[in-house]
Amino acid sequence: MIIDLHAHSDASEDSRAPLETYLKWLQRKRDLLPIDGIVLTEHRQWDPRADYRALEDQYGILILRGAEVETDYGHVLIYGVSDEMTRRFDFADVRLPAQDVIREVSRMGGVAAPCHPGRPTIGLCEHYAAGKPPLEGVVAVEALNGGSRRGENERVDDLIARYGYGAFGGSDAHLVSLIGICATELDDEIRTVEDLVTALRRGRCRPVDFREQVRAARGAA
């Protein structure tokens, strides 16, 4: 099963992509992008009322939700968001303490995973290079990010080799044409965000990259 674990709809202030347009694009590009589901990880927010079951049924694509928050070690994706987490942390705070977020989210049943770690300023690598102590309790990092520039994903390879983190991938799409270009292959069937949290904790997943075949298709068009 292949899921894009990092995507932003127009609910995020820097995205122009309506959710349903993502779904139509994936349905039309199924031969290039065999994506079974996406996780919406809107910036610094969580809407407990959001319900996408009708769209899931209409398009046959799993839609899960997480959040992307900002911490003193860069950006972090949270999977398995609960009311308890949103009471404990103000997701709009751009200086959340990363170590507290990782420890507390885990205690509350979720996973907090650094995203685009190789990116300057907002990635984990730069914070480690600056001498900050390694975070405890990291189970996985986003090893493949579709929005990263040349060399940024490669920096994450060294991070994973050194600290033994699990790895996953996501498009970090803010535009419709970028959804699903990087994603995560999971060994188990994922029906709920709880299934996803379990898979990430067990390391039963790996990043997958569809960028080259998308580029080749565009070149042939």
Foldseek 3Di string as FASTA:
>chain_A
DWEFEAEEAVVAVLFPHHPLLLLVLCLVCCVLFVHQEYEHAHQLDDDPPDDCVVVCVVRVHHYHYWYWAAAPQAIKIKFPDDPVLVVVDRRNDNHHHVLCSQVVSVVVQIHIEFELQLDPPRHNVVVVVVPDDDHPNHQEYALEEQPDDPPSSVSVVVVCVVPVHAYWHHDNDRYSVRHRQKIKDAPDDDRYSSVVRVRSNVSRMHMDGSNVVVVVVVVVD
